[in-house]
Amino acid sequence: IPNKKIEDPVAGKVNTSSLATTRQNLSAFHLIPP
């Protein structure tokens, strides 16, 4: 279930030029096994 994320300016963000234009979610988890 997606959460309504509030942007946190102190969270661990990676600021590199290769990731500057991506639209995908940069923090995601997978369960193994589901």
Full PDB file with SEQRES, HELIX, SHEET, SSBOND, CRYST1, ORIGX, SCALE, CONECT and MASTER records, all heavy atoms in Angstrom:
SEQRES   1 A   34  ILE PRO ASN LYS LYS ILE GLU ASP PRO VAL ALA GLY LYS          
SEQRES   2 A   34  VAL ASN THR SER SER LEU ALA THR THR ARG GLN ASN LEU          
SEQRES   3 A   34  SER ALA PHE HIS LEU ILE PRO PRO                              
HELIX    1 AA1 SER A   17  LEU A   19  5                                   3    
CRYST1    1.000    1.000    1.000  90.00  90.00  90.00 P 1           1          
ORIGX1      1.000000  0.000000  0.000000        0.00000                         
ORIGX2      0.000000  1.000000  0.000000        0.00000                         
ORIGX3      0.000000  0.000000  1.000000        0.00000                         
SCALE1      1.000000  0.000000  0.000000        0.00000                         
SCALE2      0.000000  1.000000  0.000000        0.00000                         
SCALE3      0.000000  0.000000  1.000000        0.00000                         
ATOM      1  N   ILE A   1       0.871  -1.173   0.000  1.00  0.00           N  
ATOM      2  CA  ILE A   1       0.000   0.000   0.000  1.00  0.00           C  
ATOM      3  C   ILE A   1       0.905   1.220   0.000  1.00  0.00           C  
ATOM      4  O   ILE A   1       1.707   1.390   0.915  1.00  0.00           O  
ATOM      5  CB  ILE A   1      -0.893   0.006   1.260  1.00  0.00           C  
ATOM      6  CG1 ILE A   1      -1.695  -1.285   1.353  1.00  0.00           C  
ATOM      7  CG2 ILE A   1      -1.794   1.231   1.275  1.00  0.00           C  
ATOM      8  CD1 ILE A   1      -2.279  -1.538   2.724  1.00  0.00           C  
ATOM      9  N   PRO A   2       0.822   2.097  -1.039  1.00  0.00           N  
ATOM     10  CA  PRO A   2       1.707   3.265  -1.060  1.00  0.00           C  
ATOM     11  C   PRO A   2       1.346   4.265   0.035  1.00  0.00           C  
ATOM     12  O   PRO A   2       0.179   4.454   0.356  1.00  0.00           O  
ATOM     13  CB  PRO A   2       1.496   3.866  -2.445  1.00  0.00           C  
ATOM     14  CG  PRO A   2       0.264   3.245  -2.986  1.00  0.00           C  
ATOM     15  CD  PRO A   2      -0.010   1.999  -2.210  1.00  0.00           C  
ATOM     16  N   ASN A   3       2.361   4.890   0.626  1.00  0.00           N  
ATOM     17  CA  ASN A   3       2.169   5.929   1.639  1.00  0.00           C  
ATOM     18  C   ASN A   3       2.236   7.282   0.972  1.00  0.00           C  
ATOM     19  O   ASN A   3       2.891   7.458  -0.046  1.00  0.00           O  
ATOM     20  CB  ASN A   3       3.270   5.867   2.702  1.00  0.00           C  
ATOM     21  CG  ASN A   3       3.156   4.656   3.577  1.00  0.00           C  
ATOM     22  OD1 ASN A   3       2.131   3.995   3.604  1.00  0.00           O  
ATOM     23  ND2 ASN A   3       4.226   4.355   4.286  1.00  0.00           N  
ATOM     24  N   LYS A   4       1.614   8.268   1.616  1.00  0.00           N  
ATOM     25  CA  LYS A   4       1.780   9.641   1.166  1.00  0.00           C  
ATOM     26  C   LYS A   4       3.073  10.134   1.788  1.00  0.00           C  
ATOM     27  O   LYS A   4       3.140  10.401   2.974  1.00  0.00           O  
ATOM     28  CB  LYS A   4       0.599  10.484   1.606  1.00  0.00           C  
ATOM     29  CG  LYS A   4      -0.664  10.113   0.888  1.00  0.00           C  
ATOM     30  CD  LYS A   4      -1.782  11.047   1.265  1.00  0.00           C  
ATOM     31  CE  LYS A   4      -2.943  10.756   0.361  1.00  0.00           C  
ATOM     32  NZ  LYS A   4      -4.128  10.355   1.014  1.00  0.00           N  
ATOM     33  N   LYS A   5       4.105  10.226   0.975  1.00  0.00           N  
ATOM     34  CA  LYS A   5       5.427  10.573   1.500  1.00  0.00           C  
ATOM     35  C   LYS A   5       5.569  12.084   1.652  1.00  0.00           C  
ATOM     36  O   LYS A   5       5.235  12.843   0.770  1.00  0.00           O  
ATOM     37  CB  LYS A   5       6.510  10.048   0.565  1.00  0.00           C  
ATOM     38  CG  LYS A   5       7.888  10.308   1.106  1.00  0.00           C  
ATOM     39  CD  LYS A   5       8.928   9.631   0.284  1.00  0.00           C  
ATOM     40  CE  LYS A   5      10.261  10.174   0.677  1.00  0.00           C  
ATOM     41  NZ  LYS A   5      11.189   9.312   1.157  1.00  0.00           N  
ATOM     42  N   ILE A   6       6.088  12.481   2.786  1.00  0.00           N  
ATOM     43  CA  ILE A   6       6.409  13.879   3.036  1.00  0.00           C  
ATOM     44  C   ILE A   6       7.907  14.019   2.846  1.00  0.00           C  
ATOM     45  O   ILE A   6       8.687  13.288   3.444  1.00  0.00           O  
ATOM     46  CB  ILE A   6       5.989  14.291   4.462  1.00  0.00           C  
ATOM     47  CG1 ILE A   6       4.484  14.128   4.610  1.00  0.00           C  
ATOM     48  CG2 ILE A   6       6.444  15.694   4.768  1.00  0.00           C  
ATOM     49  CD1 ILE A   6       4.004  14.226   6.035  1.00  0.00           C  
ATOM     50  N   GLU A   7       8.320  14.912   1.987  1.00  0.00           N  
ATOM     51  CA  GLU A   7       9.733  15.107   1.697  1.00  0.00           C  
ATOM     52  C   GLU A   7      10.469  15.555   2.945  1.00  0.00           C  
ATOM     53  O   GLU A   7      10.105  16.538   3.561  1.00  0.00           O  
ATOM     54  CB  GLU A   7       9.861  16.188   0.645  1.00  0.00           C  
ATOM     55  CG  GLU A   7      10.557  15.908  -0.674  1.00  0.00           C  
ATOM     56  CD  GLU A   7      11.189  14.585  -0.930  1.00  0.00           C  
ATOM     57  OE1 GLU A   7      10.538  13.707  -1.458  1.00  0.00           O  
ATOM     58  OE2 GLU A   7      12.384  14.437  -0.625  1.00  0.00           O  
ATOM     59  N   ASP A   8      11.490  14.827   3.302  1.00  0.00           N  
ATOM     60  CA  ASP A   8      12.301  15.151   4.463  1.00  0.00           C  
ATOM     61  C   ASP A   8      13.661  15.638   3.973  1.00  0.00           C  
ATOM     62  O   ASP A   8      14.405  14.883   3.353  1.00  0.00           O  
ATOM     63  CB  ASP A   8      12.460  13.903   5.339  1.00  0.00           C  
ATOM     64  CG  ASP A   8      13.198  14.193   6.623  1.00  0.00           C  
ATOM     65  OD1 ASP A   8      13.464  15.383   6.906  1.00  0.00           O  
ATOM     66  OD2 ASP A   8      13.515  13.244   7.347  1.00  0.00           O  
ATOM     67  N   PRO A   9      14.016  16.900   4.206  1.00  0.00           N  
ATOM     68  CA  PRO A   9      15.275  17.416   3.682  1.00  0.00           C  
ATOM     69  C   PRO A   9      16.504  16.799   4.336  1.00  0.00           C  
ATOM     70  O   PRO A   9      17.602  16.929   3.821  1.00  0.00           O  
ATOM     71  CB  PRO A   9      15.204  18.915   3.984  1.00  0.00           C  
ATOM     72  CG  PRO A   9      14.240  19.046   5.107  1.00  0.00           C  
ATOM     73  CD  PRO A   9      13.270  17.909   4.958  1.00  0.00           C  
ATOM     74  N   VAL A  10      16.334  16.097   5.449  1.00  0.00           N  
ATOM     75  CA  VAL A  10      17.475  15.530   6.145  1.00  0.00           C  
ATOM     76  C   VAL A  10      17.647  14.043   5.842  1.00  0.00           C  
ATOM     77  O   VAL A  10      18.634  13.442   6.204  1.00  0.00           O  
ATOM     78  CB  VAL A  10      17.321  15.737   7.671  1.00  0.00           C  
ATOM     79  CG1 VAL A  10      18.594  15.398   8.407  1.00  0.00           C  
ATOM     80  CG2 VAL A  10      16.921  17.157   7.980  1.00  0.00           C  
ATOM     81  N   ALA A  11      16.680  13.444   5.164  1.00  0.00           N  
ATOM     82  CA  ALA A  11      16.755  12.009   4.877  1.00  0.00           C  
ATOM     83  C   ALA A  11      17.961  11.699   4.007  1.00  0.00           C  
ATOM     84  O   ALA A  11      18.514  12.572   3.346  1.00  0.00           O  
ATOM     85  CB  ALA A  11      15.478  11.548   4.184  1.00  0.00           C  
ATOM     86  N   GLY A  12      18.367  10.444   3.990  1.00  0.00           N  
ATOM     87  CA  GLY A  12      19.567  10.038   3.264  1.00  0.00           C  
ATOM     88  C   GLY A  12      19.378  10.034   1.773  1.00  0.00           C  
ATOM     89  O   GLY A  12      19.093   9.011   1.177  1.00  0.00           O  
ATOM     90  N   LYS A  13      19.525  11.143   1.156  1.00  0.00           N  
ATOM     91  CA  LYS A  13      19.358  11.274  -0.285  1.00  0.00           C  
ATOM     92  C   LYS A  13      20.708  11.153  -0.976  1.00  0.00           C  
ATOM     93  O   LYS A  13      21.725  11.614  -0.476  1.00  0.00           O  
ATOM     94  CB  LYS A  13      18.745  12.636  -0.651  1.00  0.00           C  
ATOM     95  CG  LYS A  13      17.408  12.888  -0.023  1.00  0.00           C  
ATOM     96  CD  LYS A  13      16.330  12.145  -0.749  1.00  0.00           C  
ATOM     97  CE  LYS A  13      14.980  12.501  -0.187  1.00  0.00           C  
ATOM     98  NZ  LYS A  13      14.159  11.399   0.105  1.00  0.00           N  
ATOM     99  N   VAL A  14      20.697  10.542  -2.145  1.00  0.00           N  
ATOM    100  CA  VAL A  14      21.887  10.465  -2.958  1.00  0.00           C  
ATOM    101  C   VAL A  14      21.726  11.494  -4.070  1.00  0.00           C  
ATOM    102  O   VAL A  14      20.773  11.438  -4.835  1.00  0.00           O  
ATOM    103  CB  VAL A  14      22.059   9.051  -3.557  1.00  0.00           C  
ATOM    104  CG1 VAL A  14      23.250   9.001  -4.468  1.00  0.00           C  
ATOM    105  CG2 VAL A  14      22.191   8.035  -2.438  1.00  0.00           C  
ATOM    106  N   ASN A  15      22.629  12.449  -4.155  1.00  0.00           N  
ATOM    107  CA  ASN A  15      22.548  13.509  -5.156  1.00  0.00           C  
ATOM    108  C   ASN A  15      23.690  13.365  -6.155  1.00  0.00           C  
ATOM    109  O   ASN A  15      24.744  13.976  -6.015  1.00  0.00           O  
ATOM    110  CB  ASN A  15      22.610  14.894  -4.486  1.00  0.00           C  
ATOM    111  CG  ASN A  15      21.427  15.131  -3.586  1.00  0.00           C  
ATOM    112  OD1 ASN A  15      20.304  14.781  -3.948  1.00  0.00           O  
ATOM    113  ND2 ASN A  15      21.662  15.713  -2.422  1.00  0.00           N  
ATOM    114  N   THR A  16      23.479  12.532  -7.145  1.00  0.00           N  
ATOM    115  CA  THR A  16      24.462  12.401  -8.211  1.00  0.00           C  
ATOM    116  C   THR A  16      23.796  12.770  -9.523  1.00  0.00           C  
ATOM    117  O   THR A  16      22.575  12.677  -9.663  1.00  0.00           O  
ATOM    118  CB  THR A  16      25.018  10.970  -8.297  1.00  0.00           C  
ATOM    119  OG1 THR A  16      23.939  10.088  -8.578  1.00  0.00           O  
ATOM    120  CG2 THR A  16      25.694  10.556  -7.010  1.00  0.00           C  
ATOM    121  N   SER A  17      24.580  13.168 -10.496  1.00  0.00           N  
ATOM    122  CA  SER A  17      24.015  13.615 -11.770  1.00  0.00           C  
ATOM    123  C   SER A  17      23.293  12.487 -12.497  1.00  0.00           C  
ATOM    124  O   SER A  17      22.340  12.716 -13.219  1.00  0.00           O  
ATOM    125  CB  SER A  17      25.104  14.203 -12.653  1.00  0.00           C  
ATOM    126  OG  SER A  17      26.074  13.217 -12.931  1.00  0.00           O  
ATOM    127  N   SER A  18      23.720  11.239 -12.310  1.00  0.00           N  
ATOM    128  CA  SER A  18      23.062  10.125 -12.995  1.00  0.00           C  
ATOM    129  C   SER A  18      21.664   9.875 -12.461  1.00  0.00           C  
ATOM    130  O   SER A  18      20.836   9.287 -13.135  1.00  0.00           O  
ATOM    131  CB  SER A  18      23.906   8.856 -12.869  1.00  0.00           C  
ATOM    132  OG  SER A  18      24.026   8.491 -11.514  1.00  0.00           O  
ATOM    133  N   LEU A  19      21.385  10.323 -11.234  1.00  0.00           N  
ATOM    134  CA  LEU A  19      20.071  10.106 -10.644  1.00  0.00           C  
ATOM    135  C   LEU A  19      19.204  11.357 -10.664  1.00  0.00           C  
ATOM    136  O   LEU A  19      18.066  11.326 -10.230  1.00  0.00           O  
ATOM    137  CB  LEU A  19      20.219   9.638  -9.197  1.00  0.00           C  
ATOM    138  CG  LEU A  19      20.942   8.320  -9.002  1.00  0.00           C  
ATOM    139  CD1 LEU A  19      21.139   8.055  -7.525  1.00  0.00           C  
ATOM    140  CD2 LEU A  19      20.189   7.186  -9.645  1.00  0.00           C  
ATOM    141  N   ALA A  20      19.726  12.453 -11.201  1.00  0.00           N  
ATOM    142  CA  ALA A  20      19.016  13.727 -11.139  1.00  0.00           C  
ATOM    143  C   ALA A  20      17.737  13.734 -11.964  1.00  0.00           C  
ATOM    144  O   ALA A  20      16.787  14.415 -11.626  1.00  0.00           O  
ATOM    145  CB  ALA A  20      19.928  14.854 -11.595  1.00  0.00           C  
ATOM    146  N   THR A  21      17.679  12.957 -13.036  1.00  0.00           N  
ATOM    147  CA  THR A  21      16.510  12.997 -13.913  1.00  0.00           C  
ATOM    148  C   THR A  21      15.602  11.789 -13.775  1.00  0.00           C  
ATOM    149  O   THR A  21      14.608  11.692 -14.477  1.00  0.00           O  
ATOM    150  CB  THR A  21      16.959  13.096 -15.378  1.00  0.00           C  
ATOM    151  OG1 THR A  21      17.758  11.958 -15.687  1.00  0.00           O  
ATOM    152  CG2 THR A  21      17.735  14.371 -15.632  1.00  0.00           C  
ATOM    153  N   THR A  22      15.912  10.850 -12.905  1.00  0.00           N  
ATOM    154  CA  THR A  22      15.080   9.648 -12.783  1.00  0.00           C  
ATOM    155  C   THR A  22      13.771   9.969 -12.084  1.00  0.00           C  
ATOM    156  O   THR A  22      13.715  10.760 -11.165  1.00  0.00           O  
ATOM    157  CB  THR A  22      15.800   8.532 -12.005  1.00  0.00           C  
ATOM    158  OG1 THR A  22      16.095   9.008 -10.708  1.00  0.00           O  
ATOM    159  CG2 THR A  22      17.061   8.085 -12.713  1.00  0.00           C  
ATOM    160  N   ARG A  23      12.716   9.313 -12.531  1.00  0.00           N  
ATOM    161  CA  ARG A  23      11.397   9.495 -11.946  1.00  0.00           C  
ATOM    162  C   ARG A  23      11.034   8.335 -11.021  1.00  0.00           C  
ATOM    163  O   ARG A  23      10.046   8.374 -10.333  1.00  0.00           O  
ATOM    164  CB  ARG A  23      10.343   9.596 -13.047  1.00  0.00           C  
ATOM    165  CG  ARG A  23      10.535  10.783 -13.943  1.00  0.00           C  
ATOM    166  CD  ARG A  23       9.592  11.882 -13.511  1.00  0.00           C  
ATOM    167  NE  ARG A  23       9.603  12.967 -14.463  1.00  0.00           N  
ATOM    168  CZ  ARG A  23      10.008  14.173 -14.177  1.00  0.00           C  
ATOM    169  NH1 ARG A  23      10.455  14.466 -12.998  1.00  0.00           N  
ATOM    170  NH2 ARG A  23       9.974  15.116 -15.086  1.00  0.00           N  
ATOM    171  N   GLN A  24      11.834   7.288 -11.045  1.00  0.00           N  
ATOM    172  CA  GLN A  24      11.494   6.116 -10.244  1.00  0.00           C  
ATOM    173  C   GLN A  24      11.731   6.372  -8.760  1.00  0.00           C  
ATOM    174  O   GLN A  24      12.452   7.273  -8.374  1.00  0.00           O  
ATOM    175  CB  GLN A  24      12.302   4.911 -10.700  1.00  0.00           C  
ATOM    176  CG  GLN A  24      13.784   5.036 -10.378  1.00  0.00           C  
ATOM    177  CD  GLN A  24      14.569   3.856 -10.875  1.00  0.00           C  
ATOM    178  OE1 GLN A  24      14.055   3.046 -11.602  1.00  0.00           O  
ATOM    179  NE2 GLN A  24      15.806   3.768 -10.472  1.00  0.00           N  
ATOM    180  N   ASN A  25      11.088   5.532  -7.964  1.00  0.00           N  
ATOM    181  CA  ASN A  25      11.233   5.627  -6.520  1.00  0.00           C  
ATOM    182  C   ASN A  25      12.629   5.138  -6.137  1.00  0.00           C  
ATOM    183  O   ASN A  25      13.019   4.037  -6.475  1.00  0.00           O  
ATOM    184  CB  ASN A  25      10.159   4.770  -5.848  1.00  0.00           C  
ATOM    185  CG  ASN A  25      10.126   4.976  -4.364  1.00  0.00           C  
ATOM    186  OD1 ASN A  25      10.870   5.787  -3.819  1.00  0.00           O  
ATOM    187  ND2 ASN A  25       9.266   4.257  -3.705  1.00  0.00           N  
ATOM    188  N   LEU A  26      13.393   5.956  -5.430  1.00  0.00           N  
ATOM    189  CA  LEU A  26      14.766   5.612  -5.102  1.00  0.00           C  
ATOM    190  C   LEU A  26      14.888   4.848  -3.790  1.00  0.00           C  
ATOM    191  O   LEU A  26      15.982   4.471  -3.410  1.00  0.00           O  
ATOM    192  CB  LEU A  26      15.619   6.878  -5.057  1.00  0.00           C  
ATOM    193  CG  LEU A  26      15.707   7.653  -6.371  1.00  0.00           C  
ATOM    194  CD1 LEU A  26      16.548   8.899  -6.191  1.00  0.00           C  
ATOM    195  CD2 LEU A  26      16.260   6.792  -7.479  1.00  0.00           C  
ATOM    196  N   SER A  27      13.786   4.658  -3.099  1.00  0.00           N  
ATOM    197  CA  SER A  27      13.824   3.847  -1.883  1.00  0.00           C  
ATOM    198  C   SER A  27      12.670   2.854  -1.942  1.00  0.00           C  
ATOM    199  O   SER A  27      11.512   3.244  -1.921  1.00  0.00           O  
ATOM    200  CB  SER A  27      13.721   4.720  -0.640  1.00  0.00           C  
ATOM    201  OG  SER A  27      12.545   5.488  -0.676  1.00  0.00           O  
ATOM    202  N   ALA A  28      13.017   1.589  -2.081  1.00  0.00           N  
ATOM    203  CA  ALA A  28      12.004   0.544  -2.183  1.00  0.00           C  
ATOM    204  C   ALA A  28      12.526  -0.735  -1.530  1.00  0.00           C  
ATOM    205  O   ALA A  28      13.734  -0.962  -1.455  1.00  0.00           O  
ATOM    206  CB  ALA A  28      11.659   0.279  -3.640  1.00  0.00           C  
ATOM    207  N   PHE A  29      11.608  -1.554  -1.066  1.00  0.00           N  
ATOM    208  CA  PHE A  29      11.950  -2.816  -0.420  1.00  0.00           C  
ATOM    209  C   PHE A  29      11.263  -3.970  -1.130  1.00  0.00           C  
ATOM    210  O   PHE A  29      10.169  -3.811  -1.670  1.00  0.00           O  
ATOM    211  CB  PHE A  29      11.501  -2.813   1.044  1.00  0.00           C  
ATOM    212  CG  PHE A  29      12.331  -1.945   1.944  1.00  0.00           C  
ATOM    213  CD1 PHE A  29      11.900  -0.695   2.326  1.00  0.00           C  
ATOM    214  CD2 PHE A  29      13.544  -2.394   2.426  1.00  0.00           C  
ATOM    215  CE1 PHE A  29      12.645   0.100   3.162  1.00  0.00           C  
ATOM    216  CE2 PHE A  29      14.309  -1.611   3.260  1.00  0.00           C  
ATOM    217  CZ  PHE A  29      13.862  -0.362   3.636  1.00  0.00           C  
ATOM    218  N   HIS A  30      11.904  -5.139  -1.098  1.00  0.00           N  
ATOM    219  CA  HIS A  30      11.310  -6.387  -1.562  1.00  0.00           C  
ATOM    220  C   HIS A  30      11.401  -7.403  -0.441  1.00  0.00           C  
ATOM    221  O   HIS A  30      12.395  -7.440   0.294  1.00  0.00           O  
ATOM    222  CB  HIS A  30      12.039  -6.940  -2.786  1.00  0.00           C  
ATOM    223  CG  HIS A  30      11.732  -6.212  -4.048  1.00  0.00           C  
ATOM    224  ND1 HIS A  30      10.491  -6.218  -4.637  1.00  0.00           N  
ATOM    225  CD2 HIS A  30      12.519  -5.442  -4.840  1.00  0.00           C  
ATOM    226  CE1 HIS A  30      10.522  -5.491  -5.739  1.00  0.00           C  
ATOM    227  NE2 HIS A  30      11.743  -4.999  -5.871  1.00  0.00           N  
ATOM    228  N   LEU A  31      10.371  -8.248  -0.323  1.00  0.00           N  
ATOM    229  CA  LEU A  31      10.370  -9.330   0.648  1.00  0.00           C  
ATOM    230  C   LEU A  31      10.739 -10.630  -0.049  1.00  0.00           C  
ATOM    231  O   LEU A  31      10.169 -10.965  -1.088  1.00  0.00           O  
ATOM    232  CB  LEU A  31       8.989  -9.473   1.290  1.00  0.00           C  
ATOM    233  CG  LEU A  31       8.593  -8.359   2.243  1.00  0.00           C  
ATOM    234  CD1 LEU A  31       7.112  -8.436   2.567  1.00  0.00           C  
ATOM    235  CD2 LEU A  31       9.405  -8.456   3.511  1.00  0.00           C  
ATOM    236  N   ILE A  32      11.695 -11.357   0.501  1.00  0.00           N  
ATOM    237  CA  ILE A  32      12.108 -12.641  -0.058  1.00  0.00           C  
ATOM    238  C   ILE A  32      12.007 -13.688   1.042  1.00  0.00           C  
ATOM    239  O   ILE A  32      12.761 -13.605   2.010  1.00  0.00           O  
ATOM    240  CB  ILE A  32      13.560 -12.578  -0.584  1.00  0.00           C  
ATOM    241  CG1 ILE A  32      13.687 -11.441  -1.608  1.00  0.00           C  
ATOM    242  CG2 ILE A  32      13.961 -13.904  -1.194  1.00  0.00           C  
ATOM    243  CD1 ILE A  32      15.109 -11.115  -1.967  1.00  0.00           C  
ATOM    244  N   PRO A  33      11.124 -14.644   0.984  1.00  0.00           N  
ATOM    245  CA  PRO A  33      10.031 -14.863   0.038  1.00  0.00           C  
ATOM    246  C   PRO A  33       8.874 -13.896   0.312  1.00  0.00           C  
ATOM    247  O   PRO A  33       8.778 -13.340   1.405  1.00  0.00           O  
ATOM    248  CB  PRO A  33       9.606 -16.307   0.316  1.00  0.00           C  
ATOM    249  CG  PRO A  33       9.923 -16.512   1.749  1.00  0.00           C  
ATOM    250  CD  PRO A  33      11.158 -15.682   2.016  1.00  0.00           C  
ATOM    251  N   PRO A  34       7.973 -13.701  -0.668  1.00  0.00           N  
ATOM    252  CA  PRO A  34       6.889 -12.738  -0.496  1.00  0.00           C  
ATOM    253  C   PRO A  34       5.775 -13.201   0.433  1.00  0.00           C  
ATOM    254  O   PRO A  34       4.897 -12.419   0.786  1.00  0.00           O  
ATOM    255  CB  PRO A  34       6.359 -12.543  -1.918  1.00  0.00           C  
ATOM    256  CG  PRO A  34       6.766 -13.763  -2.649  1.00  0.00           C  
ATOM    257  CD  PRO A  34       8.030 -14.250  -2.019  1.00  0.00           C  
TER     258      PRO A  34                                                      
MASTER        0    0    0    1    0    0    0    6  257    1    0    3          
END                                                                             
